C-alpha atoms as a PDB file:
ATOM      1  CA  MET A   1      79.641 -52.871  14.321  1.00  0.00           C
ATOM      2  CA  TYR A   2      77.187 -50.646  15.195  1.00  0.00           C
ATOM      3  CA  TYR A   3      76.541 -49.974  19.057  1.00  0.00           C
ATOM      4  CA  LEU A   4      73.176 -48.571  20.527  1.00  0.00           C
ATOM      5  CA  ASN A   5      73.392 -47.378  23.997  1.00  0.00           C
ATOM      6  CA  ALA A   6      69.670 -46.465  25.791  1.00  0.00           C
ATOM      7  CA  GLY A   7      68.807 -45.879  28.730  1.00  0.00           C
ATOM      8  CA  LEU A   8      71.486 -44.438  30.548  1.00  0.00           C
ATOM      9  CA  HIS A   9      69.680 -42.506  33.412  1.00  0.00           C
ATOM     10  CA  SER A  10      67.009 -43.971  35.131  1.00  0.00           C
ATOM     11  CA  ASP A  11      64.461 -42.173  33.759  1.00  0.00           C
ATOM     12  CA  GLU A  12      65.193 -42.639  30.090  1.00  0.00           C
ATOM     13  CA  THR A  13      62.765 -44.510  29.439  1.00  0.00           C
ATOM     14  CA  GLY A  14      61.706 -44.516  26.111  1.00  0.00           C
ATOM     15  CA  SER A  15      64.960 -45.395  24.399  1.00  0.00           C
ATOM     16  CA  THR A  16      64.955 -48.634  26.348  1.00  0.00           C
ATOM     17  CA  GLU A  17      61.134 -49.487  24.854  1.00  0.00           C
ATOM     18  CA  ALA A  18      62.354 -48.439  21.358  1.00  0.00           C
ATOM     19  CA  THR A  19      65.714 -50.255  21.058  1.00  0.00           C
ATOM     20  CA  LEU A  20      63.678 -53.434  22.591  1.00  0.00           C
ATOM     21  CA  GLU A  21      61.168 -53.174  19.597  1.00  0.00           C
ATOM     22  CA  LEU A  22      64.468 -52.387  17.436  1.00  0.00           C
ATOM     23  CA  ALA A  23      66.213 -55.593  18.841  1.00  0.00           C
ATOM     24  CA  TYR A  24      62.685 -57.702  18.172  1.00  0.00           C
ATOM     25  CA  ARG A  25      62.221 -56.531  14.450  1.00  0.00           C
ATOM     26  CA  LEU A  26      66.257 -57.012  13.733  1.00  0.00           C
ATOM     27  CA  ALA A  27      65.671 -60.580  14.958  1.00  0.00           C
ATOM     28  CA  VAL A  28      62.382 -61.311  13.133  1.00  0.00           C
ATOM     29  CA  SER A  29      61.794 -58.851  10.235  1.00  0.00           C
ATOM     30  CA  GLU A  30      61.912 -60.471   6.686  1.00  0.00           C
ATOM     31  CA  GLN A  31      61.673 -56.861   5.333  1.00  0.00           C
ATOM     32  CA  PRO A  32      64.809 -56.217   2.510  1.00  0.00           C
ATOM     33  CA  MET A  33      66.451 -53.554   4.242  1.00  0.00           C
ATOM     34  CA  ILE A  34      66.345 -55.479   8.124  1.00  0.00           C
ATOM     35  CA  ARG A  35      67.564 -58.865   5.949  1.00  0.00           C
ATOM     36  CA  ARG A  36      70.685 -56.613   4.580  1.00  0.00           C
ATOM     37  CA  ILE A  37      71.369 -55.160   8.242  1.00  0.00           C
ATOM     38  CA  ARG A  38      71.482 -59.049   9.247  1.00  0.00           C
ATOM     39  CA  GLU A  39      73.507 -60.086   6.440  1.00  0.00           C
ATOM     40  CA  GLN A  40      76.257 -56.865   6.357  1.00  0.00           C
ATOM     41  CA  MET A  41      76.481 -55.571  10.105  1.00  0.00           C
ATOM     42  CA  VAL A  42      76.898 -56.802  13.795  1.00  0.00           C
ATOM     43  CA  VAL A  43      74.369 -54.762  16.018  1.00  0.00           C
ATOM     44  CA  LEU A  44      75.195 -54.249  19.701  1.00  0.00           C
ATOM     45  CA  ILE A  45      72.308 -53.252  21.467  1.00  0.00           C
ATOM     46  CA  ASN A  46      72.273 -51.852  25.313  1.00  0.00           C
ATOM     47  CA  PRO A  47      68.851 -51.364  26.512  1.00  0.00           C
ATOM     48  CA  VAL A  48      69.070 -50.017  29.709  1.00  0.00           C
ATOM     49  CA  SER A  49      72.311 -48.894  31.299  1.00  0.00           C
ATOM     50  CA  ASN A  50      70.683 -48.676  34.736  1.00  0.00           C
ATOM     51  CA  PRO A  51      68.418 -51.418  35.452  1.00  0.00           C
ATOM     52  CA  ASP A  52      68.064 -51.059  38.985  1.00  0.00           C
ATOM     53  CA  GLY A  53      67.402 -47.232  38.516  1.00  0.00           C
ATOM     54  CA  ARG A  54      64.914 -48.000  35.919  1.00  0.00           C
ATOM     55  CA  ASP A  55      63.311 -50.669  38.208  1.00  0.00           C
ATOM     56  CA  LYS A  56      62.926 -47.610  40.908  1.00  0.00           C
ATOM     57  CA  VAL A  57      61.683 -45.485  38.244  1.00  0.00           C
ATOM     58  CA  VAL A  58      58.402 -47.630  37.448  1.00  0.00           C
ATOM     59  CA  GLU A  59      57.882 -48.588  41.058  1.00  0.00           C
ATOM     60  CA  TRP A  60      58.008 -44.573  41.515  1.00  0.00           C
ATOM     61  CA  PHE A  61      54.944 -44.270  38.512  1.00  0.00           C
ATOM     62  CA  TYR A  62      53.350 -47.025  39.668  1.00  0.00           C
ATOM     63  CA  ARG A  63      53.190 -45.712  43.029  1.00  0.00           C
ATOM     64  CA  TYR A  64      52.848 -41.719  42.801  1.00  0.00           C
ATOM     65  CA  LEU A  65      51.947 -40.986  39.322  1.00  0.00           C
ATOM     66  CA  LYS A  66      49.821 -43.441  37.305  1.00  0.00           C
ATOM     67  CA  GLY A  67      46.498 -42.326  36.828  1.00  0.00           C
ATOM     68  CA  LYS A  68      46.970 -38.670  37.769  1.00  0.00           C
ATOM     69  CA  THR A  69      46.356 -36.117  35.191  1.00  0.00           C
ATOM     70  CA  ASP A  70      46.706 -32.752  37.181  1.00  0.00           C
ATOM     71  CA  LEU A  71      49.868 -31.317  36.033  1.00  0.00           C
ATOM     72  CA  ALA A  72      49.799 -28.694  38.959  1.00  0.00           C
ATOM     73  CA  THR A  73      49.666 -31.047  41.766  1.00  0.00           C
ATOM     74  CA  LEU A  74      52.072 -33.959  40.359  1.00  0.00           C
ATOM     75  CA  PRO A  75      54.794 -35.263  42.347  1.00  0.00           C
ATOM     76  CA  ARG A  76      58.231 -34.888  40.782  1.00  0.00           C
ATOM     77  CA  GLN A  77      58.407 -37.313  37.698  1.00  0.00           C
ATOM     78  CA  SER A  78      61.012 -39.646  39.023  1.00  0.00           C
ATOM     79  CA  PRO A  79      62.867 -40.660  42.312  1.00  0.00           C
ATOM     80  CA  PRO A  80      65.625 -38.149  43.701  1.00  0.00           C
ATOM     81  CA  TYR A  81      68.278 -40.156  42.842  1.00  0.00           C
ATOM     82  CA  TRP A  82      70.091 -41.871  39.496  1.00  0.00           C
ATOM     83  CA  SER A  83      70.261 -45.593  40.805  1.00  0.00           C
ATOM     84  CA  LYS A  84      69.003 -47.823  43.528  1.00  0.00           C
ATOM     85  CA  TYR A  85      72.571 -48.384  45.339  1.00  0.00           C
ATOM     86  CA  ALA A  86      74.235 -45.172  44.833  1.00  0.00           C
ATOM     87  CA  PHE A  87      73.427 -41.354  44.384  1.00  0.00           C
ATOM     88  CA  VAL A  88      75.106 -41.466  41.341  1.00  0.00           C
ATOM     89  CA  ASP A  89      74.832 -40.317  37.599  1.00  0.00           C
ATOM     90  CA  ILE A  90      75.951 -43.237  35.626  1.00  0.00           C
ATOM     91  CA  ASN A  91      77.791 -41.043  32.689  1.00  0.00           C
ATOM     92  CA  ARG A  92      79.748 -39.334  34.993  1.00  0.00           C
ATOM     93  CA  ASP A  93      81.066 -42.842  36.375  1.00  0.00           C
ATOM     94  CA  SER A  94      82.812 -43.117  33.020  1.00  0.00           C
ATOM     95  CA  HIS A  95      85.974 -42.282  33.890  1.00  0.00           C
ATOM     96  CA  GLN A  96      86.335 -43.866  37.502  1.00  0.00           C
ATOM     97  CA  GLN A  97      84.719 -46.760  36.747  1.00  0.00           C
ATOM     98  CA  THR A  98      83.187 -47.624  40.026  1.00  0.00           C
ATOM     99  CA  HIS A  99      79.507 -49.427  38.872  1.00  0.00           C
ATOM    100  CA  GLN A 100      79.544 -52.635  37.302  1.00  0.00           C
ATOM    101  CA  THR A 101      77.184 -50.857  34.711  1.00  0.00           C
ATOM    102  CA  THR A 102      79.870 -48.378  33.398  1.00  0.00           C
ATOM    103  CA  LYS A 103      82.497 -51.286  33.666  1.00  0.00           C
ATOM    104  CA  ALA A 104      80.622 -53.343  31.091  1.00  0.00           C
ATOM    105  CA  VAL A 105      79.917 -50.306  28.724  1.00  0.00           C
ATOM    106  CA  ALA A 106      83.794 -50.230  28.778  1.00  0.00           C
ATOM    107  CA  ARG A 107      84.700 -53.754  28.274  1.00  0.00           C
ATOM    108  CA  MET A 108      82.106 -53.405  25.392  1.00  0.00           C
ATOM    109  CA  TYR A 109      84.628 -50.537  23.887  1.00  0.00           C
ATOM    110  CA  PHE A 110      87.216 -52.456  23.977  1.00  0.00           C
ATOM    111  CA  GLU A 111      86.265 -55.990  23.551  1.00  0.00           C
ATOM    112  CA  TRP A 112      84.253 -55.050  20.028  1.00  0.00           C
ATOM    113  CA  HIS A 113      85.800 -51.818  18.867  1.00  0.00           C
ATOM    114  CA  PRO A 114      82.344 -50.368  17.618  1.00  0.00           C
ATOM    115  CA  GLU A 115      82.990 -48.354  14.701  1.00  0.00           C
ATOM    116  CA  VAL A 116      79.390 -46.645  15.151  1.00  0.00           C
ATOM    117  CA  VAL A 117      78.274 -45.643  18.364  1.00  0.00           C
ATOM    118  CA  HIS A 118      74.815 -44.617  18.669  1.00  0.00           C
ATOM    119  CA  ASP A 119      73.721 -42.862  22.544  1.00  0.00           C
ATOM    120  CA  LEU A 120      70.219 -42.724  23.093  1.00  0.00           C
ATOM    121  CA  HIS A 121      70.092 -39.787  25.410  1.00  0.00           C
ATOM    122  CA  GLU A 122      66.391 -38.265  26.047  1.00  0.00           C
ATOM    123  CA  GLY A 123      65.522 -35.026  26.612  1.00  0.00           C
ATOM    124  CA  SER A 124      62.339 -36.222  28.555  1.00  0.00           C
ATOM    125  CA  PRO A 125      60.976 -39.111  29.971  1.00  0.00           C
ATOM    126  CA  LEU A 126      57.612 -38.777  28.303  1.00  0.00           C
ATOM    127  CA  LEU A 127      58.952 -40.506  25.080  1.00  0.00           C
ATOM    128  CA  MET A 128      55.662 -42.638  24.100  1.00  0.00           C
ATOM    129  CA  SER A 129      56.200 -46.195  22.423  1.00  0.00           C
ATOM    130  CA  TRP A 130      53.584 -48.789  21.247  1.00  0.00           C
ATOM    131  CA  LYS A 131      53.424 -51.805  18.692  1.00  0.00           C
ATOM    132  CA  TRP A 132      53.338 -50.521  15.289  1.00  0.00           C
ATOM    133  CA  HIS A 133      52.200 -53.032  12.382  1.00  0.00           C
ATOM    134  CA  GLY A 134      53.224 -51.168   9.599  1.00  0.00           C
ATOM    135  CA  ALA A 135      56.154 -51.980   7.111  1.00  0.00           C
ATOM    136  CA  LEU A 136      59.676 -50.099   7.955  1.00  0.00           C
END
């Protein structure tokens, strides 16, 4: 069992894009390495732990940032909150379990018991992603 957790915070957009591409490749690639992964592992992927917050970040980008290039006059890079419904940092909720997203992640641990947990926190929301047509 290999678990990938991405997009924990709403402004961590690159890891979500990367895990969606990875899920696609794991599902359809015929590369020998990918076939071995499919045959020998269960891979669990959570591409976004805060989907409503991610929606707000996308809305923010299109409203305030798209097409702007003057870094000196840019507004803040993401909304001033973590989630649509609550001012919460989702990873700080793991001990209280008040939000459905953190409850879902906790259920995954107790039901699937992953041996490897790969948490893809980002240091910057500016990670680029694109479709690459090369071999893995």
